[in-house]
């Protein structure tokens, strides 16, 4: 899977650590578990969100799981006392029933949510909580212009397989129909964050840490630079810089909190 094979860059991802942290904290605040014993952070990345889990539940055994060794190395430097598991999320299995499975901005990289989400619920202990946040911004210019750039250039053939995939996150109603029969309680909502970014081509720099990365990795260095320049030009029209130097970047996210 892409999530398993991509060369994640902690420094690029953490350029926007504060706006990326806000939905993670909003998700954490809605988890009802008071004193869980076993907590898994799926797609923990560089561990900056895992640190918030430690602060919320200092007595819990917290285990971070991620497919990127580079990200986990950064996480281990920050929180060496925790257990970090280097594993692809699509094959992950909890070692013991989980009181909380937390996943912020990770599960959209995995296919077949119809199978994935019930499998995660099955790993919960009775009364356990599955808490998930996934971006649902794939119809916004930040993402559609990646595809437009891919289709317009000489690199189209090498990127074609990335263009064929459907949006990785379904409508909220899909997840409700799938999960309600498995839940004692289920809360699903969406939030759109009006992110105020600064710097040169900030929306490009944002997506370069996530969705754009899979496209750039298939190109040689010269093509990569040309692709970025073309994409940045398109983004400037969609997300113009304001007179104060800021760029407004609306971003929609889907949240799910299920108690078993």
Protein backbone atom coordinates (compact mmCIF):
# COMPACT_ATOMS: atom_id res chain seq x y z
CA UNK A 1 0.00 0.00 0.00
CA UNK A 2 1.05 3.62 -0.51
CA UNK A 3 1.03 4.29 3.23
CA UNK A 4 3.50 1.46 3.68
CA UNK A 5 5.92 2.37 0.88
CA UNK A 6 6.07 6.16 0.81
CA UNK A 7 9.19 7.92 2.08
CA UNK A 8 7.67 10.10 4.78
CA UNK A 9 9.57 13.24 5.78
CA UNK A 10 8.94 14.28 9.40
CA UNK A 11 10.29 17.79 8.84
CA UNK A 12 8.02 18.41 5.84
CA UNK A 13 4.98 16.99 7.64
CA UNK A 14 5.62 18.99 10.80
CA UNK A 15 5.97 22.32 8.96
CA UNK A 16 2.29 22.75 9.76
CA UNK A 17 2.26 20.95 13.08
CA UNK A 18 -0.14 23.35 14.80
CA UNK A 19 -3.03 23.28 12.27
CA UNK A 20 -2.52 19.51 11.90
CA UNK A 21 -2.66 19.11 15.68
CA UNK A 22 -6.00 20.88 16.17
CA UNK A 23 -8.27 18.13 14.69
CA UNK A 24 -6.24 15.52 16.56
CA UNK A 25 -6.97 17.32 19.82
CA UNK A 26 -10.62 17.80 18.88
CA UNK A 27 -10.89 14.05 18.37
CA UNK A 28 -9.11 13.30 21.65
CA UNK A 29 -11.46 15.60 23.55
CA UNK A 30 -14.49 13.59 22.42
CA UNK A 31 -13.22 10.22 23.65
CA UNK A 32 -15.21 9.25 26.78
CA UNK A 33 -12.65 6.79 28.21
CA UNK A 34 -11.49 8.00 31.63
CA UNK A 35 -8.74 5.49 32.54
CA UNK A 36 -8.00 3.08 29.68
CA UNK A 37 -5.32 0.49 30.28
CA UNK A 38 -4.27 -0.21 26.67
CA UNK A 39 -4.23 2.52 23.99
CA UNK A 40 -3.03 2.13 20.41
CA UNK A 41 -2.15 5.10 18.21
CA UNK A 42 -2.48 3.85 14.62
CA UNK A 43 -0.48 5.90 12.15
CA UNK A 44 1.30 7.68 14.98
CA UNK A 45 3.86 9.27 12.64
CA UNK A 46 6.44 11.40 14.43
CA UNK A 47 4.67 10.99 17.78
CA UNK A 48 3.59 14.60 18.30
CA UNK A 49 -0.04 13.51 18.74
CA UNK A 50 0.95 10.45 20.76
CA UNK A 51 2.41 12.86 23.30
CA UNK A 52 -1.09 14.27 23.80
CA UNK A 53 -2.38 10.75 24.48
CA UNK A 54 0.31 10.33 27.14
CA UNK A 55 -0.75 13.59 28.77
CA UNK A 56 -4.41 12.52 28.74
CA UNK A 57 -3.79 9.00 30.06
CA UNK A 58 -0.43 8.92 31.92
CA UNK A 59 -1.23 5.54 33.50
CA UNK A 60 -2.08 3.74 30.27
CA UNK A 61 0.11 1.48 28.19
CA UNK A 62 0.30 3.49 24.94
CA UNK A 63 1.63 1.84 21.79
CA UNK A 64 2.38 3.76 18.60
CA UNK A 65 2.10 1.92 15.28
CA UNK A 66 3.34 3.27 11.95
CA UNK A 67 4.62 2.02 8.60
CA UNK A 68 7.41 4.62 8.39
CA UNK A 69 10.67 3.81 10.14
CA UNK A 70 11.77 7.43 9.66
CA UNK A 71 8.71 8.77 11.43
CA UNK A 72 9.04 6.23 14.25
CA UNK A 73 12.69 7.12 14.78
CA UNK A 74 11.63 10.72 15.38
CA UNK A 75 8.86 9.56 17.71
CA UNK A 76 11.24 7.36 19.71
CA UNK A 77 13.63 10.27 20.22
CA UNK A 78 10.79 12.35 21.66
CA UNK A 79 9.11 9.64 23.75
CA UNK A 80 11.64 6.86 24.33
CA UNK A 81 9.59 5.38 27.18
CA UNK A 82 6.78 4.23 24.85
CA UNK A 83 6.53 1.12 22.70
CA UNK A 84 6.79 1.86 18.96
CA UNK A 85 5.78 -0.77 16.41
CA UNK A 86 7.02 -0.59 12.83
CA UNK A 87 4.24 -2.24 10.85
CA UNK A 88 1.93 -1.59 7.93
CA UNK A 89 -1.50 -0.66 9.25
CA UNK A 90 -3.41 -2.86 6.83
CA UNK A 91 -1.89 -5.96 8.44
CA UNK A 92 -1.88 -4.77 12.03
CA UNK A 93 -3.46 -6.85 14.77
CA UNK A 94 -3.73 -5.76 18.40
CA UNK A 95 -1.65 -7.90 20.76
CA UNK A 96 -4.43 -7.69 23.35
CA UNK A 97 -7.93 -6.17 23.38
CA UNK A 98 -7.70 -2.39 23.22
CA UNK A 99 -9.49 0.05 25.47
CA UNK A 100 -8.84 2.79 22.90
CA UNK A 101 -7.80 2.57 19.26
CA UNK A 102 -6.98 6.11 18.17
CA UNK A 103 -6.13 7.03 14.59
CA UNK A 104 -5.59 10.58 13.40
CA UNK A 105 -5.22 11.23 9.65
CA UNK A 106 -4.04 7.74 8.74
CA UNK A 107 -6.83 5.34 7.76
CA UNK A 108 -7.64 7.18 4.51
CA UNK A 109 -4.45 5.61 3.14
CA UNK A 110 -5.94 2.13 3.52
CA UNK A 111 -8.44 0.49 1.14
CA UNK A 112 -11.64 -1.42 1.78
CA UNK A 113 -13.09 0.47 4.74
CA UNK A 114 -16.08 -1.87 4.65
CA UNK A 115 -13.76 -4.60 5.92
CA UNK A 116 -11.23 -2.47 7.84
CA UNK A 117 -13.50 -0.69 10.30
CA UNK A 118 -15.39 -3.76 11.60
CA UNK A 119 -12.02 -5.50 11.99
CA UNK A 120 -10.80 -2.64 14.20
CA UNK A 121 -14.00 -2.73 16.27
CA UNK A 122 -13.45 -6.45 16.83
CA UNK A 123 -10.09 -5.65 18.48
CA UNK A 124 -11.73 -3.47 21.16
CA UNK A 125 -12.39 -4.66 24.67
CA UNK A 126 -16.03 -4.45 25.87
CA UNK A 127 -16.76 -0.74 26.26
CA UNK A 128 -13.64 0.12 24.27
CA UNK A 129 -13.51 3.12 21.94
CA UNK A 130 -12.49 3.48 18.31
CA UNK A 131 -11.66 7.13 17.58
CA UNK A 132 -10.80 8.09 14.00
CA UNK A 133 -10.19 11.33 12.12
CA UNK A 134 -9.70 11.31 8.35
CA UNK A 135 -9.35 14.18 5.90
CA UNK A 136 -12.27 14.50 3.48
CA UNK A 137 -10.89 17.30 1.34
CA UNK A 138 -10.34 15.31 -1.83
CA UNK A 139 -12.78 17.33 -3.95
CA UNK A 140 -11.12 20.65 -3.00
CA UNK A 141 -8.67 22.42 -5.35
CA UNK A 142 -5.74 21.39 -3.14
CA UNK A 143 -6.31 17.82 -4.32
CA UNK A 144 -8.09 18.12 -7.66
CA UNK A 145 -5.27 20.33 -8.97
CA UNK A 146 -2.76 17.59 -8.20
CA UNK A 147 -4.72 15.39 -10.62
CA UNK A 148 -5.01 18.21 -13.17
CA UNK A 149 -1.24 18.70 -13.07
CA UNK A 150 -0.65 14.96 -13.40
CA UNK A 151 -2.91 14.72 -16.45
CA UNK A 152 -1.43 17.76 -18.19
CA UNK A 153 2.28 16.89 -18.22
CA UNK A 154 4.64 14.41 -19.86
CA UNK A 155 4.55 12.37 -16.66
CA UNK A 156 0.91 11.37 -17.17
CA UNK A 157 1.69 7.73 -18.02
CA UNK A 158 3.66 7.10 -14.87
CA UNK A 159 1.03 8.72 -12.66
CA UNK A 160 -2.06 7.24 -14.33
CA UNK A 161 -2.57 4.52 -11.73
CA UNK A 162 -2.79 7.16 -9.00
CA UNK A 163 -5.54 8.95 -10.90
CA UNK A 164 -7.84 5.96 -11.25
CA UNK A 165 -8.60 5.57 -7.56
CA UNK A 166 -11.86 6.80 -6.07
CA UNK A 167 -11.87 9.22 -3.13
CA UNK A 168 -10.46 7.20 -0.21
CA UNK A 169 -12.98 8.44 2.38
CA UNK A 170 -16.69 7.82 1.89
CA UNK A 171 -19.68 9.92 2.91
CA UNK A 172 -20.50 9.99 6.65
CA UNK A 173 -23.67 7.97 6.00
CA UNK A 174 -21.55 5.05 4.78
CA UNK A 175 -19.71 4.82 8.09
CA UNK A 176 -22.89 5.15 10.11
CA UNK A 177 -24.58 2.29 8.25
CA UNK A 178 -21.46 0.17 8.59
CA UNK A 179 -20.75 0.81 12.27
CA UNK A 180 -24.08 1.46 13.99
CA UNK A 181 -24.92 -2.28 14.29
CA UNK A 182 -21.56 -2.82 16.05
CA UNK A 183 -21.76 0.07 18.48
CA UNK A 184 -23.23 0.79 21.89
CA UNK A 185 -22.86 4.43 20.93
CA UNK A 186 -21.67 6.14 17.75
CA UNK A 187 -20.84 9.79 17.06
CA UNK A 188 -19.95 10.88 13.53
CA UNK A 189 -19.42 14.48 12.47
CA UNK A 190 -17.53 16.69 10.05
CA UNK A 191 -15.66 19.96 10.63
CA UNK A 192 -14.20 22.35 8.10
CA UNK A 193 -11.20 24.24 9.45
CA UNK A 194 -10.35 27.60 7.91
CA UNK A 195 -6.59 27.27 8.15
CA UNK A 196 -4.58 30.48 7.94
CA UNK A 197 -1.22 29.62 6.38
CA UNK A 198 1.85 31.75 5.73
CA UNK A 199 4.94 31.49 3.57
CA UNK A 200 5.59 30.82 -0.10
CA UNK A 201 3.09 28.48 -1.77
CA UNK A 202 1.86 27.16 1.59
CA UNK A 203 -0.88 24.91 0.21
CA UNK A 204 1.68 23.15 -1.97
CA UNK A 205 3.96 22.77 1.02
CA UNK A 206 1.04 21.35 3.01
CA UNK A 207 0.14 18.69 0.45
CA UNK A 208 3.82 17.94 -0.19
CA UNK A 209 3.90 16.46 3.31
CA UNK A 210 0.95 14.14 2.56
CA UNK A 211 -1.11 13.54 -0.60
CA UNK A 212 1.26 15.10 -3.14
CA UNK A 213 4.16 12.96 -1.93
CA UNK A 214 3.01 9.79 -3.69
CA UNK A 215 2.99 11.63 -7.05
CA UNK A 216 6.40 13.23 -6.60
CA UNK A 217 8.03 9.95 -5.65
CA UNK A 218 7.31 8.51 -9.10
CA UNK A 219 9.19 11.29 -10.89
CA UNK A 220 12.88 11.98 -11.41
CA UNK A 221 14.29 15.12 -9.74
CA UNK A 222 13.91 17.38 -12.79
CA UNK A 223 10.34 16.30 -13.45
CA UNK A 224 9.56 16.64 -9.76
CA UNK A 225 10.61 20.29 -9.81
CA UNK A 226 8.58 20.94 -12.98
CA UNK A 227 5.53 19.20 -11.49
CA UNK A 228 5.76 21.26 -8.30
CA UNK A 229 6.10 24.50 -10.26
CA UNK A 230 3.06 23.71 -12.44
CA UNK A 231 0.98 22.66 -9.45
CA UNK A 232 2.01 25.75 -7.45
CA UNK A 233 0.95 28.04 -10.31
CA UNK A 234 -2.51 26.44 -10.38
CA UNK A 235 -2.81 26.71 -6.60
CA UNK A 236 -2.05 30.42 -6.55
CA UNK A 237 -5.23 31.09 -8.51
CA UNK A 238 -7.32 28.81 -6.26
CA UNK A 239 -5.81 30.02 -2.97
CA UNK A 240 -4.61 33.61 -3.54
CA UNK A 241 -2.33 35.25 -1.04
CA UNK A 242 -4.11 37.99 0.88
CA UNK A 243 -2.88 41.54 1.37
CA UNK A 244 -1.60 40.63 4.85
CA UNK A 245 0.52 37.84 3.40
CA UNK A 246 -1.68 34.99 4.64
CA UNK A 247 -3.34 32.26 2.58
CA UNK A 248 -6.70 30.82 3.61
CA UNK A 249 -6.98 27.05 3.21
CA UNK A 250 -10.37 25.51 4.12
CA UNK A 251 -9.98 21.85 5.04
CA UNK A 252 -12.77 19.35 5.77
CA UNK A 253 -12.29 16.41 8.12
CA UNK A 254 -14.47 13.46 9.15
CA UNK A 255 -14.59 12.25 12.77
CA UNK A 256 -15.83 8.94 14.16
CA UNK A 257 -16.06 7.98 17.86
CA UNK A 258 -17.51 4.52 18.47
CA UNK A 259 -17.97 2.84 21.84
CA UNK A 260 -18.33 -0.93 21.68
